[in-house]
């Protein structure tokens, strides 16, 4: 009998290669494993919590919604500049090598009740 972490994996797939349909067997495998639990019980949790999402604002774009919306992703890309990269002592901008953009940190403000002020 195989015991310890990964025991199910080792027992179910002895050669270490899962079948191609592994994702379709997960619910049945999980139900079979849970059926072997000898201490069935209930779990209950209740309560509320405050969501303290940060407020993100970018100069030239305004407040940014989180999660990021496709329209604002386009606005952020338009407000950004091509990001350079380093090659030796040189700093270069070549979209064929690095196709990304950057926004100067002086143009970004993050605030909200969960963000402490720093000086």
C-alpha atoms as a PDB file:
ATOM      1  CA  UNK A   1       0.000   0.000   0.000  1.00  0.00           C
ATOM      2  CA  UNK A   2       1.285   3.472  -0.868  1.00  0.00           C
ATOM      3  CA  UNK A   3       0.993   6.111   1.869  1.00  0.00           C
ATOM      4  CA  UNK A   4       1.917   9.749   2.324  1.00  0.00           C
ATOM      5  CA  UNK A   5       1.746  12.835   0.096  1.00  0.00           C
ATOM      6  CA  UNK A   6       1.142  11.946  -3.517  1.00  0.00           C
ATOM      7  CA  UNK A   7      -0.044   8.435  -2.573  1.00  0.00           C
ATOM      8  CA  UNK A   8      -3.158   8.692  -4.723  1.00  0.00           C
ATOM      9  CA  UNK A   9      -1.141   9.861  -7.715  1.00  0.00           C
ATOM     10  CA  UNK A  10       1.419   7.077  -7.310  1.00  0.00           C
ATOM     11  CA  UNK A  11      -1.242   4.391  -6.854  1.00  0.00           C
ATOM     12  CA  UNK A  12      -3.462   5.631  -9.680  1.00  0.00           C
ATOM     13  CA  UNK A  13      -0.671   6.325 -12.157  1.00  0.00           C
ATOM     14  CA  UNK A  14       2.249   4.018 -11.327  1.00  0.00           C
ATOM     15  CA  UNK A  15       4.331   4.990 -14.340  1.00  0.00           C
ATOM     16  CA  UNK A  16       3.984   8.692 -13.445  1.00  0.00           C
ATOM     17  CA  UNK A  17       2.083   9.697 -16.581  1.00  0.00           C
ATOM     18  CA  UNK A  18      -1.571  10.656 -16.142  1.00  0.00           C
ATOM     19  CA  UNK A  19      -4.063   9.617 -18.815  1.00  0.00           C
ATOM     20  CA  UNK A  20      -5.137  12.228 -21.358  1.00  0.00           C
ATOM     21  CA  UNK A  21      -8.633  12.350 -19.846  1.00  0.00           C
ATOM     22  CA  UNK A  22      -7.413  13.110 -16.296  1.00  0.00           C
ATOM     23  CA  UNK A  23      -9.543  16.263 -16.025  1.00  0.00           C
ATOM     24  CA  UNK A  24     -12.716  14.303 -16.769  1.00  0.00           C
ATOM     25  CA  UNK A  25     -11.964  11.775 -13.996  1.00  0.00           C
ATOM     26  CA  UNK A  26     -11.220  14.275 -11.229  1.00  0.00           C
ATOM     27  CA  UNK A  27     -14.828  14.578  -9.916  1.00  0.00           C
ATOM     28  CA  UNK A  28     -15.288  10.807  -9.756  1.00  0.00           C
ATOM     29  CA  UNK A  29     -11.837  10.287  -8.214  1.00  0.00           C
ATOM     30  CA  UNK A  30     -12.477  12.998  -5.619  1.00  0.00           C
ATOM     31  CA  UNK A  31     -15.879  11.514  -4.716  1.00  0.00           C
ATOM     32  CA  UNK A  32     -14.291   8.073  -4.308  1.00  0.00           C
ATOM     33  CA  UNK A  33     -11.575   9.461  -2.034  1.00  0.00           C
ATOM     34  CA  UNK A  34     -14.056  11.456   0.053  1.00  0.00           C
ATOM     35  CA  UNK A  35     -16.195   8.340   0.490  1.00  0.00           C
ATOM     36  CA  UNK A  36     -13.306   6.762   2.409  1.00  0.00           C
ATOM     37  CA  UNK A  37     -13.349   9.486   5.094  1.00  0.00           C
ATOM     38  CA  UNK A  38     -14.374   7.886   8.400  1.00  0.00           C
ATOM     39  CA  UNK A  39     -15.275  11.094  10.160  1.00  0.00           C
ATOM     40  CA  UNK A  40     -17.924  12.762   8.035  1.00  0.00           C
ATOM     41  CA  UNK A  41     -19.101  16.113   9.282  1.00  0.00           C
ATOM     42  CA  UNK A  42     -20.467  19.464   8.394  1.00  0.00           C
ATOM     43  CA  UNK A  43     -18.702  22.749   7.920  1.00  0.00           C
ATOM     44  CA  UNK A  44     -20.275  26.137   8.280  1.00  0.00           C
ATOM     45  CA  UNK A  45     -18.888  29.646   8.190  1.00  0.00           C
ATOM     46  CA  UNK A  46     -20.676  32.951   8.396  1.00  0.00           C
ATOM     47  CA  UNK A  47     -19.827  36.587   8.645  1.00  0.00           C
ATOM     48  CA  UNK A  48     -18.898  39.575   6.587  1.00  0.00           C
ATOM     49  CA  UNK A  49     -15.669  41.241   5.671  1.00  0.00           C
ATOM     50  CA  UNK A  50     -14.814  44.527   4.090  1.00  0.00           C
ATOM     51  CA  UNK A  51     -13.242  44.378   0.644  1.00  0.00           C
ATOM     52  CA  UNK A  52     -10.357  46.805   0.698  1.00  0.00           C
ATOM     53  CA  UNK A  53      -9.549  47.063  -2.977  1.00  0.00           C
ATOM     54  CA  UNK A  54      -6.925  49.661  -3.831  1.00  0.00           C
ATOM     55  CA  UNK A  55      -7.815  52.701  -5.891  1.00  0.00           C
ATOM     56  CA  UNK A  56      -5.614  53.013  -8.967  1.00  0.00           C
ATOM     57  CA  UNK A  57      -5.391  56.219 -10.967  1.00  0.00           C
ATOM     58  CA  UNK A  58      -3.144  56.954 -13.935  1.00  0.00           C
ATOM     59  CA  UNK A  59      -2.516  60.472 -15.194  1.00  0.00           C
ATOM     60  CA  UNK A  60      -3.984  60.776 -18.677  1.00  0.00           C
ATOM     61  CA  UNK A  61      -6.329  57.804 -18.124  1.00  0.00           C
ATOM     62  CA  UNK A  62      -8.101  58.526 -14.840  1.00  0.00           C
ATOM     63  CA  UNK A  63      -9.364  55.923 -12.351  1.00  0.00           C
ATOM     64  CA  UNK A  64      -8.641  52.359 -13.466  1.00  0.00           C
ATOM     65  CA  UNK A  65     -11.236  49.658 -12.836  1.00  0.00           C
ATOM     66  CA  UNK A  66     -10.088  46.418 -11.248  1.00  0.00           C
ATOM     67  CA  UNK A  67     -10.296  43.872 -12.705  1.00  0.00           C
ATOM     68  CA  UNK A  68      -8.961  45.684 -15.758  1.00  0.00           C
ATOM     69  CA  UNK A  69     -11.478  46.228 -18.532  1.00  0.00           C
ATOM     70  CA  UNK A  70     -10.416  45.797 -22.188  1.00  0.00           C
ATOM     71  CA  UNK A  71     -11.250  49.434 -23.013  1.00  0.00           C
ATOM     72  CA  UNK A  72      -9.044  50.684 -20.198  1.00  0.00           C
ATOM     73  CA  UNK A  73      -6.247  48.308 -21.194  1.00  0.00           C
ATOM     74  CA  UNK A  74      -6.223  50.126 -24.530  1.00  0.00           C
ATOM     75  CA  UNK A  75      -6.198  53.511 -22.788  1.00  0.00           C
ATOM     76  CA  UNK A  76      -3.289  52.428 -20.594  1.00  0.00           C
ATOM     77  CA  UNK A  77      -1.351  51.190 -23.626  1.00  0.00           C
ATOM     78  CA  UNK A  78      -1.965  54.494 -25.407  1.00  0.00           C
ATOM     79  CA  UNK A  79      -0.775  56.453 -22.354  1.00  0.00           C
ATOM     80  CA  UNK A  80       2.374  54.347 -22.027  1.00  0.00           C
ATOM     81  CA  UNK A  81       5.692  54.636 -23.825  1.00  0.00           C
ATOM     82  CA  UNK A  82       7.822  51.852 -25.311  1.00  0.00           C
ATOM     83  CA  UNK A  83       9.819  50.126 -22.579  1.00  0.00           C
ATOM     84  CA  UNK A  84      13.581  50.054 -23.089  1.00  0.00           C
ATOM     85  CA  UNK A  85      15.855  47.126 -22.372  1.00  0.00           C
ATOM     86  CA  UNK A  86      19.513  46.852 -21.592  1.00  0.00           C
ATOM     87  CA  UNK A  87      22.194  45.313 -23.769  1.00  0.00           C
ATOM     88  CA  UNK A  88      25.543  45.642 -22.091  1.00  0.00           C
ATOM     89  CA  UNK A  89      25.966  49.261 -21.127  1.00  0.00           C
ATOM     90  CA  UNK A  90      23.430  50.445 -23.733  1.00  0.00           C
ATOM     91  CA  UNK A  91      19.733  51.112 -23.145  1.00  0.00           C
ATOM     92  CA  UNK A  92      17.744  50.385 -26.292  1.00  0.00           C
ATOM     93  CA  UNK A  93      14.168  50.528 -27.540  1.00  0.00           C
ATOM     94  CA  UNK A  94      13.418  47.912 -30.179  1.00  0.00           C
ATOM     95  CA  UNK A  95       9.876  46.509 -30.460  1.00  0.00           C
ATOM     96  CA  UNK A  96      11.272  43.501 -32.334  1.00  0.00           C
ATOM     97  CA  UNK A  97      13.142  42.555 -29.138  1.00  0.00           C
ATOM     98  CA  UNK A  98      10.864  43.844 -26.381  1.00  0.00           C
ATOM     99  CA  UNK A  99       7.247  44.490 -27.244  1.00  0.00           C
ATOM    100  CA  UNK A 100       5.967  46.067 -24.043  1.00  0.00           C
ATOM    101  CA  UNK A 101       5.190  49.502 -22.700  1.00  0.00           C
ATOM    102  CA  UNK A 102       5.725  51.341 -19.436  1.00  0.00           C
ATOM    103  CA  UNK A 103       4.141  54.190 -17.532  1.00  0.00           C
ATOM    104  CA  UNK A 104       6.343  56.462 -15.441  1.00  0.00           C
ATOM    105  CA  UNK A 105       5.648  55.855 -11.740  1.00  0.00           C
ATOM    106  CA  UNK A 106       5.155  59.601 -11.198  1.00  0.00           C
ATOM    107  CA  UNK A 107       1.973  59.286 -13.282  1.00  0.00           C
ATOM    108  CA  UNK A 108       0.505  56.461 -11.164  1.00  0.00           C
ATOM    109  CA  UNK A 109      -1.321  56.910  -7.857  1.00  0.00           C
ATOM    110  CA  UNK A 110      -2.421  54.016  -5.650  1.00  0.00           C
ATOM    111  CA  UNK A 111      -4.614  54.815  -2.674  1.00  0.00           C
ATOM    112  CA  UNK A 112      -7.463  53.459  -0.609  1.00  0.00           C
ATOM    113  CA  UNK A 113      -8.200  52.488   2.959  1.00  0.00           C
ATOM    114  CA  UNK A 114      -5.956  49.419   2.772  1.00  0.00           C
ATOM    115  CA  UNK A 115      -2.932  51.377   1.526  1.00  0.00           C
ATOM    116  CA  UNK A 116      -0.901  53.075   4.232  1.00  0.00           C
ATOM    117  CA  UNK A 117       0.604  56.464   3.492  1.00  0.00           C
ATOM    118  CA  UNK A 118       4.348  56.451   3.023  1.00  0.00           C
ATOM    119  CA  UNK A 119       6.667  59.398   3.061  1.00  0.00           C
END
